[in-house]
């Protein structure tokens, strides 16, 4: 099947898009700058830590999907999605290096009437002020006249059994009304509902609002967790009761840190609440470490020399994704205090902290029984927490997943 769509970068945004397009019968090629990575994908081997199962990748390949590092292929498609990662860079602004590289690879072979969509998480103005000039200079074409340019913020809920690519509405905004309609026609083949934004900046700002909404609310409930502990109040019961309110409240739960791919965004340093929320969430690993040390001390043990078992080191339950997981900082702080660490995670075979390997517990129940402190950082579905609580000498649950009274909870 000849390729009609090119997905530039096959990471957390690109692979799901390529999978959805292939399933919809769209001839799809994935572009990677690394030839070795493209070869691995074409051999049916997903990237390390990817949420795409090998069986799903094999089905994509059987349906005609291919990965390539040959930029010439990009000149044969009618639609190109830029799905490059934008990790925090200088001043916490998104690092646009990969986005620039993707646009630079596409520009020399860009054909008239092609639709280019930026899905990468960027600050408002990026698609028009940075991506557009790169494409125009490299191609000699004019956006909105010779080719269509749009933005469609990524909306994925990894591992969810409820929300998947097709049933989550996609927001799209174009440089011109014609660009918006071209993007709407494309995404209408992949999703049940398309929502048109007024333009590029509005579409980009949607992702900014959605990401900041999550971080601000996590920060609020994390602050409540600290307060309730000091006042000897069961926060988890407070949340349970509060979420019965049928209006004006959306339940969030505290944890050892926010984690995830999308960092809170604050263009120009004008969103004061977002900056405070970031500070609150970033202090949680230190707070968890201090609580762990205090628990050991209350039970007559020093953190120096104590055997601490970390349960669950990924950032989301039942997924192998370590992106932004607070477990790394917590482990580093415990090591700095002299603790002896082991970890267990059914989705992580090897784990390193500050370049040092952390020993993995083979027998979960034996490891829990042997540890001076078991610290639950992520609640994977395979964990029988009631059973583990009876085995543990001391269990600190940062996720509120244990039965009331079975463990010390955040």
Protein backbone atom coordinates (compact mmCIF):
# COMPACT_ATOMS: atom_id res chain seq x y z
CA UNK A 1 0.00 0.00 0.00
CA UNK A 2 1.58 3.35 -0.98
CA UNK A 3 2.09 5.69 1.95
CA UNK A 4 -0.44 8.51 2.23
CA UNK A 5 0.59 9.59 5.74
CA UNK A 6 3.97 10.21 7.33
CA UNK A 7 4.32 10.29 11.11
CA UNK A 8 7.51 12.08 12.09
CA UNK A 9 8.88 10.54 15.31
CA UNK A 10 7.46 7.32 16.68
CA UNK A 11 7.35 8.05 20.38
CA UNK A 12 4.40 8.28 22.80
CA UNK A 13 2.47 10.50 20.34
CA UNK A 14 3.63 9.10 17.02
CA UNK A 15 3.19 5.36 17.53
CA UNK A 16 -0.48 5.60 18.61
CA UNK A 17 -1.19 7.90 15.65
CA UNK A 18 0.51 5.50 13.24
CA UNK A 19 -1.38 2.58 14.73
CA UNK A 20 -4.76 4.35 14.46
CA UNK A 21 -4.10 5.43 10.88
CA UNK A 22 -2.96 1.98 9.81
CA UNK A 23 -6.04 0.43 11.41
CA UNK A 24 -8.18 2.93 9.46
CA UNK A 25 -6.68 1.69 6.20
CA UNK A 26 -4.41 4.69 5.63
CA UNK A 27 -1.05 3.82 4.11
CA UNK A 28 1.36 5.01 6.80
CA UNK A 29 5.10 5.44 7.06
CA UNK A 30 6.91 6.36 10.27
CA UNK A 31 9.97 8.58 10.01
CA UNK A 32 12.85 8.19 12.44
CA UNK A 33 16.22 9.91 12.20
CA UNK A 34 17.93 6.79 13.58
CA UNK A 35 18.20 4.04 10.91
CA UNK A 36 18.75 1.41 13.59
CA UNK A 37 15.49 2.30 15.33
CA UNK A 38 13.62 2.03 12.03
CA UNK A 39 15.16 -1.40 11.40
CA UNK A 40 14.11 -2.61 14.85
CA UNK A 41 10.51 -1.51 14.27
CA UNK A 42 10.35 -3.14 10.86
CA UNK A 43 11.60 -6.36 12.47
CA UNK A 44 8.58 -6.27 14.82
CA UNK A 45 10.43 -5.08 17.92
CA UNK A 46 8.80 -2.07 19.68
CA UNK A 47 11.08 0.50 21.34
CA UNK A 48 12.16 -0.19 24.92
CA UNK A 49 9.52 1.09 27.33
CA UNK A 50 6.95 1.48 24.57
CA UNK A 51 3.30 0.87 25.38
CA UNK A 52 2.84 -0.76 21.97
CA UNK A 53 2.77 -4.55 22.25
CA UNK A 54 4.80 -6.61 19.81
CA UNK A 55 1.59 -8.26 18.57
CA UNK A 56 0.11 -4.84 17.76
CA UNK A 57 3.25 -3.85 15.88
CA UNK A 58 3.13 -7.08 13.87
CA UNK A 59 -0.45 -6.30 12.87
CA UNK A 60 0.59 -2.82 11.78
CA UNK A 61 3.42 -4.23 9.66
CA UNK A 62 1.10 -6.81 8.13
CA UNK A 63 -1.27 -3.96 7.18
CA UNK A 64 1.51 -2.16 5.34
CA UNK A 65 3.08 0.13 7.96
CA UNK A 66 6.82 0.71 7.62
CA UNK A 67 9.39 2.79 9.45
CA UNK A 68 12.14 4.61 7.59
CA UNK A 69 15.00 7.05 8.06
CA UNK A 70 14.90 8.10 4.41
CA UNK A 71 13.51 11.64 4.31
CA UNK A 72 12.78 11.32 0.58
CA UNK A 73 9.76 9.18 1.50
CA UNK A 74 8.20 12.23 3.15
CA UNK A 75 7.80 13.85 -0.26
CA UNK A 76 5.32 11.20 -1.41
CA UNK A 77 2.61 11.65 1.22
CA UNK A 78 -0.39 13.96 1.39
CA UNK A 79 -0.38 14.33 5.20
CA UNK A 80 2.50 14.68 7.65
CA UNK A 81 2.16 14.64 11.44
CA UNK A 82 4.98 16.13 13.51
CA UNK A 83 4.86 14.15 16.77
CA UNK A 84 8.31 14.98 18.12
CA UNK A 85 8.85 15.08 21.90
CA UNK A 86 9.23 18.44 23.66
CA UNK A 87 10.84 17.76 27.05
CA UNK A 88 11.47 20.69 29.41
CA UNK A 89 14.47 22.70 28.29
CA UNK A 90 16.13 25.92 29.37
CA UNK A 91 13.92 27.93 31.68
CA UNK A 92 11.46 25.00 31.71
CA UNK A 93 10.22 25.97 28.23
CA UNK A 94 9.63 23.06 25.82
CA UNK A 95 12.82 21.93 24.10
CA UNK A 96 11.95 22.32 20.42
CA UNK A 97 15.07 20.63 19.07
CA UNK A 98 13.24 17.52 17.87
CA UNK A 99 10.38 19.59 16.42
CA UNK A 100 12.83 21.74 14.48
CA UNK A 101 14.63 18.64 13.24
CA UNK A 102 11.37 17.08 12.06
CA UNK A 103 10.34 20.25 10.23
CA UNK A 104 13.83 20.48 8.74
CA UNK A 105 13.61 16.93 7.40
CA UNK A 106 10.17 17.51 5.90
CA UNK A 107 10.69 20.96 4.36
CA UNK A 108 12.99 20.10 1.39
CA UNK A 109 10.60 17.44 0.09
CA UNK A 110 7.29 19.12 1.01
CA UNK A 111 4.85 19.05 -1.91
CA UNK A 112 2.04 21.49 -2.71
CA UNK A 113 -1.36 20.67 -1.19
CA UNK A 114 0.21 18.61 1.62
CA UNK A 115 -1.37 18.86 5.08
CA UNK A 116 1.18 19.34 7.87
CA UNK A 117 -0.07 18.96 11.45
CA UNK A 118 1.96 19.61 14.59
CA UNK A 119 0.86 17.33 17.42
CA UNK A 120 3.84 18.02 19.68
CA UNK A 121 3.08 19.83 22.95
CA UNK A 122 4.27 23.39 22.37
CA UNK A 123 3.61 26.85 23.70
CA UNK A 124 1.07 28.99 21.83
CA UNK A 125 2.64 30.59 18.76
CA UNK A 126 5.15 27.83 18.07
CA UNK A 127 3.43 26.34 15.01
CA UNK A 128 3.07 29.72 13.32
CA UNK A 129 6.26 31.45 14.48
CA UNK A 130 8.75 28.58 14.40
CA UNK A 131 7.45 25.60 12.40
CA UNK A 132 5.89 27.67 9.62
CA UNK A 133 9.10 29.61 8.72
CA UNK A 134 11.15 26.39 8.75
CA UNK A 135 8.75 24.72 6.34
CA UNK A 136 8.43 27.77 4.08
CA UNK A 137 12.16 28.47 3.84
CA UNK A 138 13.02 24.86 3.19
CA UNK A 139 10.31 24.24 0.61
CA UNK A 140 9.78 27.57 -1.10
CA UNK A 141 6.04 27.09 -0.52
CA UNK A 142 3.65 29.30 1.43
CA UNK A 143 1.64 27.92 4.34
CA UNK A 144 -2.08 28.51 3.92
CA UNK A 145 -1.62 29.03 0.20
CA UNK A 146 0.48 26.17 -1.18
CA UNK A 147 0.16 23.74 1.72
CA UNK A 148 -2.07 23.38 4.77
CA UNK A 149 -0.71 23.90 8.29
CA UNK A 150 -2.57 22.98 11.49
CA UNK A 151 -2.10 22.04 15.13
CA UNK A 152 -3.82 19.14 16.91
CA UNK A 153 -2.81 18.74 20.55
CA UNK A 154 -2.18 15.16 21.60
CA UNK A 155 -4.90 13.62 23.74
CA UNK A 156 -3.92 10.17 24.93
CA UNK A 157 -4.74 8.24 28.09
CA UNK A 158 -2.09 5.48 28.00
CA UNK A 159 -3.30 2.10 29.16
CA UNK A 160 -6.92 3.22 29.54
CA UNK A 161 -9.59 0.66 28.73
CA UNK A 162 -12.19 3.41 28.48
CA UNK A 163 -10.58 6.09 26.37
CA UNK A 164 -8.77 5.18 23.18
CA UNK A 165 -7.74 6.97 20.02
CA UNK A 166 -11.10 6.80 18.23
CA UNK A 167 -13.45 7.86 21.04
CA UNK A 168 -11.53 10.87 22.33
CA UNK A 169 -12.54 14.12 20.54
CA UNK A 170 -9.64 15.76 18.71
CA UNK A 171 -9.17 19.52 18.75
CA UNK A 172 -7.74 21.00 15.57
CA UNK A 173 -6.90 24.54 14.58
CA UNK A 174 -5.48 25.70 11.26
CA UNK A 175 -3.56 28.68 9.96
CA UNK A 176 -6.53 29.45 7.71
CA UNK A 177 -10.12 28.16 7.62
CA UNK A 178 -9.12 25.94 4.70
CA UNK A 179 -6.26 24.50 6.77
CA UNK A 180 -8.68 23.77 9.59
CA UNK A 181 -11.06 21.95 7.26
CA UNK A 182 -8.23 19.91 5.72
CA UNK A 183 -7.15 18.81 9.21
CA UNK A 184 -10.76 18.10 10.20
CA UNK A 185 -11.20 15.88 7.15
CA UNK A 186 -8.08 13.90 8.04
CA UNK A 187 -8.85 13.41 11.75
CA UNK A 188 -12.44 12.59 10.89
CA UNK A 189 -11.07 9.32 9.49
CA UNK A 190 -9.45 8.46 12.82
CA UNK A 191 -11.74 9.77 15.54
CA UNK A 192 -15.46 9.93 16.27
CA UNK A 193 -15.53 13.68 16.88
CA UNK A 194 -13.48 16.65 15.69
CA UNK A 195 -13.61 19.98 17.53
CA UNK A 196 -12.55 23.04 15.54
CA UNK A 197 -10.60 25.71 17.39
CA UNK A 198 -10.50 29.30 16.10
CA UNK A 199 -6.91 28.93 14.98
CA UNK A 200 -3.42 27.64 15.68
CA UNK A 201 -2.84 29.49 18.94
CA UNK A 202 -6.18 28.44 20.41
CA UNK A 203 -5.47 24.80 19.59
CA UNK A 204 -2.00 25.04 21.13
CA UNK A 205 -3.43 26.69 24.25
CA UNK A 206 -5.86 23.78 24.72
CA UNK A 207 -2.97 21.47 25.58
CA UNK A 208 -1.50 24.10 27.87
CA UNK A 209 -4.79 24.39 29.78
CA UNK A 210 -5.37 20.64 29.99
CA UNK A 211 -1.86 19.90 31.25
CA UNK A 212 -1.88 22.73 33.77
CA UNK A 213 -5.33 21.70 35.01
CA UNK A 214 -3.90 18.29 35.92
CA UNK A 215 -0.80 19.65 37.65
CA UNK A 216 -2.64 22.36 39.61
CA UNK A 217 -5.21 19.91 40.94
CA UNK A 218 -2.58 17.33 41.84
CA UNK A 219 -0.71 20.07 43.69
CA UNK A 220 -3.84 21.04 45.62
CA UNK A 221 -4.50 17.52 46.81
CA UNK A 222 -0.80 17.00 47.59
CA UNK A 223 -0.90 20.08 49.81
CA UNK A 224 -4.04 18.69 51.43
CA UNK A 225 -2.19 15.42 52.08
CA UNK A 226 0.55 17.23 53.98
CA UNK A 227 -1.95 19.30 55.95
CA UNK A 228 -4.17 16.34 56.81
CA UNK A 229 -1.20 14.32 58.04
CA UNK A 230 -0.22 17.16 60.37
CA UNK A 231 -3.81 17.40 61.66
CA UNK A 232 -4.22 13.60 61.96
CA UNK A 233 -7.00 13.56 59.37
CA UNK A 234 -7.57 10.69 56.94
CA UNK A 235 -7.24 12.48 53.60
CA UNK A 236 -8.33 9.44 51.62
CA UNK A 237 -11.64 9.42 53.48
CA UNK A 238 -11.97 13.16 52.83
CA UNK A 239 -11.55 12.62 49.08
CA UNK A 240 -13.94 9.66 49.14
CA UNK A 241 -16.62 11.80 50.71
CA UNK A 242 -15.94 14.90 48.61
CA UNK A 243 -16.28 13.05 45.32
CA UNK A 244 -19.91 12.24 46.10
CA UNK A 245 -20.71 15.88 45.30
CA UNK A 246 -22.37 15.74 41.87
CA UNK A 247 -21.26 19.21 40.77
CA UNK A 248 -18.34 21.59 41.17
CA UNK A 249 -15.80 18.97 42.22
CA UNK A 250 -13.48 16.60 40.38
CA UNK A 251 -11.55 14.11 42.49
CA UNK A 252 -7.77 14.01 42.31
CA UNK A 253 -5.60 11.91 44.59
CA UNK A 254 -2.19 12.67 46.04
CA UNK A 255 0.96 10.76 45.34
CA UNK A 256 4.75 10.87 45.55
CA UNK A 257 4.95 13.25 42.56
CA UNK A 258 3.10 14.18 39.37
CA UNK A 259 5.12 12.30 36.74
CA UNK A 260 4.15 11.96 33.10
CA UNK A 261 5.26 13.26 29.72
CA UNK A 262 3.65 16.71 29.73
CA UNK A 263 5.27 19.22 32.09
CA UNK A 264 3.28 22.21 33.37
CA UNK A 265 3.61 25.14 30.99
CA UNK A 266 4.02 28.81 31.83
CA UNK A 267 4.81 30.89 28.71
CA UNK A 268 6.62 34.02 29.77
CA UNK A 269 6.30 33.26 33.49
CA UNK A 270 2.80 34.78 33.70
CA UNK A 271 0.87 31.87 35.20
CA UNK A 272 1.69 32.25 38.89
CA UNK A 273 -0.60 29.46 40.03
CA UNK A 274 1.08 27.00 37.67
CA UNK A 275 4.52 27.91 39.01
CA UNK A 276 3.36 27.33 42.59
CA UNK A 277 1.78 24.01 41.59
CA UNK A 278 5.05 22.90 40.01
CA UNK A 279 6.93 23.74 43.20
CA UNK A 280 4.43 21.81 45.33
CA UNK A 281 4.59 18.71 43.15
CA UNK A 282 8.37 18.84 42.87
CA UNK A 283 8.74 18.83 46.66
CA UNK A 284 6.70 15.63 47.09
CA UNK A 285 9.61 13.19 46.59
CA UNK A 286 11.48 14.97 49.39
CA UNK A 287 8.39 14.89 51.59
CA UNK A 288 7.89 11.16 50.97
CA UNK A 289 11.54 10.52 51.83
CA UNK A 290 11.21 12.50 55.05
CA UNK A 291 8.05 10.59 56.00
CA UNK A 292 9.81 7.30 55.29
CA UNK A 293 12.77 8.26 57.48
CA UNK A 294 10.42 9.40 60.25
CA UNK A 295 8.51 6.09 60.14
CA UNK A 296 11.72 4.11 60.48
CA UNK A 297 12.78 6.33 63.38
CA UNK A 298 9.41 5.88 65.12
CA UNK A 299 9.99 2.13 64.97
CA UNK A 300 13.47 2.32 66.41
CA UNK A 301 15.42 2.12 63.16
CA UNK A 302 17.73 4.54 61.42
CA UNK A 303 17.36 5.11 57.71
CA UNK A 304 21.14 4.62 57.44
CA UNK A 305 21.65 0.93 56.84
CA UNK A 306 17.92 0.20 56.66
CA UNK A 307 16.71 -2.13 53.91
CA UNK A 308 14.03 -0.26 51.94
CA UNK A 309 11.97 -2.01 49.26
CA UNK A 310 10.37 0.23 46.63
CA UNK A 311 7.19 -1.20 45.12
CA UNK A 312 6.28 0.12 41.66
CA UNK A 313 8.68 2.57 40.00
CA UNK A 314 6.74 3.49 36.83
CA UNK A 315 4.75 6.71 36.66
CA UNK A 316 1.42 5.04 35.87
CA UNK A 317 -0.07 1.77 37.12
CA UNK A 318 0.17 -1.33 34.96
CA UNK A 319 2.37 0.36 32.35
CA UNK A 320 6.13 0.17 31.71
CA UNK A 321 6.54 3.94 31.29
CA UNK A 322 9.13 5.52 33.62
CA UNK A 323 8.82 9.04 32.19
CA UNK A 324 8.86 11.61 34.97
CA UNK A 325 8.40 8.97 37.66
CA UNK A 326 9.17 10.36 41.13
CA UNK A 327 10.63 6.99 42.13
CA UNK A 328 14.06 7.98 40.83
CA UNK A 329 14.37 11.05 43.04
CA UNK A 330 13.00 9.22 46.07
CA UNK A 331 15.49 6.41 45.55
CA UNK A 332 18.33 8.89 45.13
CA UNK A 333 17.41 10.67 48.35
CA UNK A 334 17.15 7.41 50.29
CA UNK A 335 20.53 6.30 48.98
CA UNK A 336 21.95 9.65 50.04
CA UNK A 337 20.68 8.96 53.57
CA UNK A 338 22.46 5.61 53.59
CA UNK A 339 19.54 3.25 52.96
CA UNK A 340 20.02 -0.09 51.18
CA UNK A 341 17.55 -0.30 48.31
CA UNK A 342 15.83 -3.01 46.33
CA UNK A 343 12.85 -2.59 44.04
CA UNK A 344 10.04 -4.62 42.58
CA UNK A 345 7.98 -3.74 39.54
CA UNK A 346 6.29 -6.28 37.27
CA UNK A 347 6.79 -3.92 34.31
CA UNK A 348 10.44 -3.03 34.87
CA UNK A 349 13.16 -5.66 34.61
CA UNK A 350 16.11 -3.31 35.21
CA UNK A 351 16.28 0.06 36.92
CA UNK A 352 19.11 2.50 37.45
CA UNK A 353 19.27 5.53 39.72
CA UNK A 354 21.94 8.16 39.10
CA UNK A 355 23.69 5.66 36.87
CA UNK A 356 23.74 2.96 39.54
CA UNK A 357 21.75 -0.27 39.15
CA UNK A 358 19.20 -0.99 41.87
CA UNK A 359 18.79 -4.66 42.77
CA UNK A 360 15.47 -6.16 41.70
CA UNK A 361 13.62 -8.39 44.15
CA UNK A 362 12.84 -11.75 42.59
CA UNK A 363 10.45 -13.06 45.25
CA UNK A 364 8.04 -10.28 46.16
CA UNK A 365 6.70 -11.78 49.39
CA UNK A 366 10.15 -12.72 50.66
CA UNK A 367 11.45 -9.24 49.85
CA UNK A 368 8.56 -7.56 51.65
CA UNK A 369 9.11 -9.72 54.73
CA UNK A 370 12.85 -8.98 54.74
CA UNK A 371 12.64 -5.21 54.24
CA UNK A 372 12.73 -2.83 57.20
CA UNK A 373 10.41 -0.58 55.20
CA UNK A 374 8.30 -1.31 52.14
CA UNK A 375 7.44 1.86 50.25
CA UNK A 376 4.56 1.64 47.76
CA UNK A 377 5.15 4.22 45.02
CA UNK A 378 2.89 2.78 42.31
CA UNK A 379 -0.08 0.48 42.75
CA UNK A 380 0.07 -2.13 40.01
CA UNK A 381 -2.95 -4.38 39.70
CA UNK A 382 -0.91 -7.51 40.42
CA UNK A 383 -0.08 -6.35 43.94
CA UNK A 384 -2.12 -8.02 46.68
CA UNK A 385 -1.70 -5.18 49.12
CA UNK A 386 -3.72 -6.73 51.91
CA UNK A 387 -1.53 -9.81 51.75
CA UNK A 388 1.65 -7.77 51.47
CA UNK A 389 0.61 -5.63 54.43
CA UNK A 390 0.51 -8.73 56.65
CA UNK A 391 4.02 -9.70 55.51
CA UNK A 392 5.63 -6.27 55.78
CA UNK A 393 7.48 -5.13 58.87
CA UNK A 394 6.52 -1.57 57.98
CA UNK A 395 4.49 -0.47 54.95
CA UNK A 396 4.21 3.13 53.74
CA UNK A 397 1.53 3.54 51.06
CA UNK A 398 1.80 6.74 48.99
CA UNK A 399 -1.19 5.83 46.80
CA UNK A 400 -3.91 5.17 49.37
CA UNK A 401 -4.39 1.71 47.89
CA UNK A 402 -4.18 -0.38 51.08
CA UNK A 403 -7.21 -1.04 53.26
CA UNK A 404 -7.66 1.50 56.04
CA UNK A 405 -5.46 0.61 58.99
CA UNK A 406 -3.33 -1.89 57.05
CA UNK A 407 -0.47 0.55 56.40
CA UNK A 408 0.81 4.04 56.99
CA UNK A 409 -0.64 6.20 54.22
CA UNK A 410 0.44 9.48 52.67
